[in-house]
PDB file of N, CA and C in Angstrom:
ATOM      1  N   MET A   1     -66.727 213.470  14.316  1.00  0.00           N
ATOM      2  CA  MET A   1     -65.030 213.502  14.289  1.00  0.00           C
ATOM      3  C   MET A   1     -64.262 214.900  13.849  1.00  0.00           C
ATOM      4  N   ALA A   2     -63.693 216.239  14.564  1.00  0.00           N
ATOM      5  CA  ALA A   2     -62.945 217.122  14.003  1.00  0.00           C
ATOM      6  C   ALA A   2     -62.070 216.740  13.240  1.00  0.00           C
ATOM      7  N   ILE A   3     -61.366 217.868  12.454  1.00  0.00           N
ATOM      8  CA  ILE A   3     -60.551 217.834  11.173  1.00  0.00           C
ATOM      9  C   ILE A   3     -60.106 218.554  11.996  1.00  0.00           C
ATOM     10  N   PRO A   4     -58.424 217.848  12.049  1.00  0.00           N
ATOM     11  CA  PRO A   4     -57.366 218.078  12.700  1.00  0.00           C
ATOM     12  C   PRO A   4     -56.483 219.317  12.119  1.00  0.00           C
ATOM     13  N   THR A   5     -56.616 220.336  12.984  1.00  0.00           N
ATOM     14  CA  THR A   5     -56.152 221.920  12.076  1.00  0.00           C
ATOM     15  C   THR A   5     -54.714 221.371  11.532  1.00  0.00           C
ATOM     16  N   PRO A   6     -54.117 221.769  10.427  1.00  0.00           N
ATOM     17  CA  PRO A   6     -53.041 221.507   9.658  1.00  0.00           C
ATOM     18  C   PRO A   6     -52.115 222.628  10.184  1.00  0.00           C
ATOM     19  N   THR A   7     -50.941 221.924  10.446  1.00  0.00           N
ATOM     20  CA  THR A   7     -49.704 222.797  10.755  1.00  0.00           C
ATOM     21  C   THR A   7     -48.509 223.410   9.500  1.00  0.00           C
ATOM     22  N   CYS A   8     -48.106 224.114   9.303  1.00  0.00           N
ATOM     23  CA  CYS A   8     -47.104 224.567   8.509  1.00  0.00           C
ATOM     24  C   CYS A   8     -46.356 224.055   7.676  1.00  0.00           C
ATOM     25  N   ALA A   9     -45.977 223.689   6.582  1.00  0.00           N
ATOM     26  CA  ALA A   9     -45.330 222.555   6.538  1.00  0.00           C
ATOM     27  C   ALA A   9     -43.925 223.292   6.305  1.00  0.00           C
ATOM     28  N   CYS A  10     -43.456 224.267   6.768  1.00  0.00           N
ATOM     29  CA  CYS A  10     -42.232 224.540   6.476  1.00  0.00           C
ATOM     30  C   CYS A  10     -41.146 223.663   7.866  1.00  0.00           C
ATOM     31  N   GLU A  11     -40.188 223.370   7.880  1.00  0.00           N
ATOM     32  CA  GLU A  11     -39.183 222.530   8.932  1.00  0.00           C
ATOM     33  C   GLU A  11     -38.496 223.599   9.532  1.00  0.00           C
ATOM     34  N   PRO A  12     -38.511 223.817  10.833  1.00  0.00           N
ATOM     35  CA  PRO A  12     -39.481 222.589  11.839  1.00  0.00           C
ATOM     36  C   PRO A  12     -40.559 223.773  12.244  1.00  0.00           C
ATOM     37  N   CYS A  13     -41.047 224.651  11.482  1.00  0.00           N
ATOM     38  CA  CYS A  13     -42.306 225.023  11.789  1.00  0.00           C
ATOM     39  C   CYS A  13     -43.325 224.242  12.186  1.00  0.00           C
ATOM     40  N   ASP A  14     -44.440 224.516  13.507  1.00  0.00           N
ATOM     41  CA  ASP A  14     -45.276 223.580  13.843  1.00  0.00           C
ATOM     42  C   ASP A  14     -46.750 224.528  14.158  1.00  0.00           C
ATOM     43  N   CYS A  15     -46.267 225.611  13.341  1.00  0.00           N
ATOM     44  CA  CYS A  15     -47.529 226.641  14.044  1.00  0.00           C
ATOM     45  C   CYS A  15     -48.841 226.177  13.253  1.00  0.00           C
ATOM     46  N   THR A  16     -49.748 226.186  13.705  1.00  0.00           N
ATOM     47  CA  THR A  16     -51.480 226.064  13.043  1.00  0.00           C
ATOM     48  C   THR A  16     -51.596 226.971  12.312  1.00  0.00           C
ATOM     49  N   ILE A  17     -52.313 226.622  11.025  1.00  0.00           N
ATOM     50  CA  ILE A  17     -52.597 227.242  10.009  1.00  0.00           C
ATOM     51  C   ILE A  17     -54.231 227.644  10.118  1.00  0.00           C
ATOM     52  N   ALA A  18     -54.515 228.894  10.143  1.00  0.00           N
ATOM     53  CA  ALA A  18     -56.069 229.371   9.646  1.00  0.00           C
ATOM     54  C   ALA A  18     -56.603 228.766   8.545  1.00  0.00           C
ATOM     55  N   PRO A  19     -57.802 228.052   8.428  1.00  0.00           N
ATOM     56  CA  PRO A  19     -58.268 227.814   7.220  1.00  0.00           C
ATOM     57  C   PRO A  19     -58.153 228.670   6.014  1.00  0.00           C
ATOM     58  N   ASP A  20     -58.970 229.830   6.542  1.00  0.00           N
ATOM     59  CA  ASP A  20     -59.005 230.878   5.533  1.00  0.00           C
ATOM     60  C   ASP A  20     -57.454 231.514   5.404  1.00  0.00           C
ATOM     61  N   SER A  21     -56.276 231.048   5.622  1.00  0.00           N
ATOM     62  CA  SER A  21     -55.220 231.775   5.300  1.00  0.00           C
ATOM     63  C   SER A  21     -54.341 230.809   4.742  1.00  0.00           C
ATOM     64  N   ALA A  22     -54.853 229.873   4.613  1.00  0.00           N
ATOM     65  CA  ALA A  22     -53.536 228.450   4.385  1.00  0.00           C
ATOM     66  C   ALA A  22     -53.302 228.450   3.216  1.00  0.00           C
ATOM     67  N   VAL A  23     -52.099 228.188   2.434  1.00  0.00           N
ATOM     68  CA  VAL A  23     -51.592 228.252   1.017  1.00  0.00           C
ATOM     69  C   VAL A  23     -50.860 226.750   0.416  1.00  0.00           C
ATOM     70  N   GLU A  24     -51.581 226.355  -0.405  1.00  0.00           N
ATOM     71  CA  GLU A  24     -50.921 224.884  -0.761  1.00  0.00           C
ATOM     72  C   GLU A  24     -49.992 225.356  -1.825  1.00  0.00           C
ATOM     73  N   LYS A  25     -48.997 224.794  -1.909  1.00  0.00           N
ATOM     74  CA  LYS A  25     -47.659 224.746  -2.678  1.00  0.00           C
ATOM     75  C   LYS A  25     -47.126 223.255  -2.591  1.00  0.00           C
ATOM     76  N   ASP A  26     -46.791 222.632  -4.066  1.00  0.00           N
ATOM     77  CA  ASP A  26     -46.603 220.911  -4.102  1.00  0.00           C
ATOM     78  C   ASP A  26     -47.077 220.251  -3.170  1.00  0.00           C
ATOM     79  N   GLY A  27     -48.318 220.148  -2.823  1.00  0.00           N
ATOM     80  CA  GLY A  27     -49.059 219.586  -2.099  1.00  0.00           C
ATOM     81  C   GLY A  27     -49.085 219.549  -0.634  1.00  0.00           C
ATOM     82  N   LYS A  28     -48.582 220.661  -0.242  1.00  0.00           N
ATOM     83  CA  LYS A  28     -48.134 221.066   1.559  1.00  0.00           C
ATOM     84  C   LYS A  28     -48.962 222.449   1.630  1.00  0.00           C
ATOM     85  N   LEU A  29     -49.177 222.363   2.748  1.00  0.00           N
ATOM     86  CA  LEU A  29     -49.783 223.382   3.412  1.00  0.00           C
ATOM     87  C   LEU A  29     -48.704 224.456   4.132  1.00  0.00           C
ATOM     88  N   PHE A  30     -49.028 225.652   3.802  1.00  0.00           N
ATOM     89  CA  PHE A  30     -47.981 226.820   4.597  1.00  0.00           C
ATOM     90  C   PHE A  30     -48.672 227.709   4.911  1.00  0.00           C
ATOM     91  N   CYS A  31     -48.548 228.350   6.069  1.00  0.00           N
ATOM     92  CA  CYS A  31     -49.043 229.633   6.613  1.00  0.00           C
ATOM     93  C   CYS A  31     -49.689 231.146   6.159  1.00  0.00           C
ATOM     94  N   SER A  32     -48.975 230.982   4.627  1.00  0.00           N
ATOM     95  CA  SER A  32     -48.993 232.167   3.884  1.00  0.00           C
ATOM     96  C   SER A  32     -48.118 231.877   2.963  1.00  0.00           C
ATOM     97  N   GLN A  33     -48.314 232.611   1.643  1.00  0.00           N
ATOM     98  CA  GLN A  33     -47.747 232.887   0.355  1.00  0.00           C
ATOM     99  C   GLN A  33     -46.062 233.110   0.242  1.00  0.00           C
ATOM    100  N   PRO A  34     -45.700 233.974   1.547  1.00  0.00           N
ATOM    101  CA  PRO A  34     -44.383 234.060   1.372  1.00  0.00           C
ATOM    102  C   PRO A  34     -43.405 233.349   2.226  1.00  0.00           C
ATOM    103  N   CYS A  35     -44.193 232.687   3.095  1.00  0.00           N
ATOM    104  CA  CYS A  35     -43.649 231.410   3.952  1.00  0.00           C
ATOM    105  C   CYS A  35     -43.721 230.293   2.814  1.00  0.00           C
ATOM    106  N   ALA A  36     -44.654 229.850   1.903  1.00  0.00           N
ATOM    107  CA  ALA A  36     -44.688 228.726   0.640  1.00  0.00           C
ATOM    108  C   ALA A  36     -43.723 228.812  -0.105  1.00  0.00           C
ATOM    109  N   ASP A  37     -43.157 230.368  -0.428  1.00  0.00           N
ATOM    110  CA  ASP A  37     -41.977 230.921  -1.026  1.00  0.00           C
ATOM    111  C   ASP A  37     -40.971 230.398  -0.450  1.00  0.00           C
ATOM    112  N   GLY A  38     -40.498 230.402   0.487  1.00  0.00           N
ATOM    113  CA  GLY A  38     -39.780 230.428   1.234  1.00  0.00           C
ATOM    114  C   GLY A  38     -39.001 231.968   1.713  1.00  0.00           C
ATOM    115  N   HIS A  39     -39.747 233.073   1.822  1.00  0.00           N
ATOM    116  CA  HIS A  39     -38.602 234.250   2.043  1.00  0.00           C
ATOM    117  C   HIS A  39     -40.007 234.990   2.880  1.00  0.00           C
ATOM    118  N   ALA A  40     -40.973 234.437   3.929  1.00  0.00           N
ATOM    119  CA  ALA A  40     -41.776 235.069   4.739  1.00  0.00           C
ATOM    120  C   ALA A  40     -40.864 236.143   5.343  1.00  0.00           C
ATOM    121  N   GLY A  41     -41.076 236.859   6.334  1.00  0.00           N
ATOM    122  CA  GLY A  41     -40.814 237.544   7.374  1.00  0.00           C
ATOM    123  C   GLY A  41     -41.778 238.270   8.105  1.00  0.00           C
ATOM    124  N   GLY A  42     -41.362 238.908   9.468  1.00  0.00           N
ATOM    125  CA  GLY A  42     -42.301 239.703  10.220  1.00  0.00           C
ATOM    126  C   GLY A  42     -43.468 238.887  10.530  1.00  0.00           C
ATOM    127  N   ASP A  43     -44.686 239.593  10.449  1.00  0.00           N
ATOM    128  CA  ASP A  43     -46.192 238.831  10.775  1.00  0.00           C
ATOM    129  C   ASP A  43     -46.849 238.329   9.951  1.00  0.00           C
ATOM    130  N   GLN A  44     -45.719 238.246   8.338  1.00  0.00           N
ATOM    131  CA  GLN A  44     -46.559 237.226   7.307  1.00  0.00           C
ATOM    132  C   GLN A  44     -46.600 235.573   7.613  1.00  0.00           C
ATOM    133  N   CYS A  45     -45.479 235.458   8.670  1.00  0.00           N
ATOM    134  CA  CYS A  45     -44.920 234.227   8.870  1.00  0.00           C
ATOM    135  C   CYS A  45     -45.261 234.023  10.525  1.00  0.00           C
ATOM    136  N   CYS A  46     -45.107 232.147  10.581  1.00  0.00           N
ATOM    137  CA  CYS A  46     -45.105 232.262  12.149  1.00  0.00           C
ATOM    138  C   CYS A  46     -43.463 232.428  12.841  1.00  0.00           C
ATOM    139  N   THR A  47     -43.467 233.126  13.805  1.00  0.00           N
ATOM    140  CA  THR A  47     -41.735 233.448  14.244  1.00  0.00           C
ATOM    141  C   THR A  47     -41.304 232.124  14.600  1.00  0.00           C
ATOM    142  N   SER A  48     -41.523 231.136  14.361  1.00  0.00           N
ATOM    143  CA  SER A  48     -40.920 229.918  14.891  1.00  0.00           C
ATOM    144  C   SER A  48     -40.419 229.236  13.523  1.00  0.00           C
ATOM    145  N   CYS A  49     -40.775 229.835  12.391  1.00  0.00           N
ATOM    146  CA  CYS A  49     -40.153 229.109  11.064  1.00  0.00           C
ATOM    147  C   CYS A  49     -39.086 229.529  10.960  1.00  0.00           C
ATOM    148  N   GLU A  50     -37.832 228.744  10.496  1.00  0.00           N
ATOM    149  CA  GLU A  50     -36.843 229.251  10.430  1.00  0.00           C
ATOM    150  C   GLU A  50     -36.364 229.126   8.651  1.00  0.00           C
ATOM    151  N   CYS A  51     -37.849 228.877   7.928  1.00  0.00           N
ATOM    152  CA  CYS A  51     -37.536 229.072   6.534  1.00  0.00           C
ATOM    153  C   CYS A  51     -38.139 230.436   6.282  1.00  0.00           C
ATOM    154  N   CYS A  52     -38.457 230.982   7.499  1.00  0.00           N
ATOM    155  CA  CYS A  52     -39.067 232.595   6.955  1.00  0.00           C
ATOM    156  C   CYS A  52     -38.075 233.795   7.082  1.00  0.00           C
TER     157      CYS A  52
END
């Protein structure tokens, strides 16, 4: 049974997170540290993330 690929906890972001770049904050997984902090931009985060 395969482990499902996690998606970024940012709403409404649905990008998948690479296991080696996942950042956990408050029990949620994000695609990068800046994204977890709510102020990512450019290539540090997924382009579909409104929080970035």
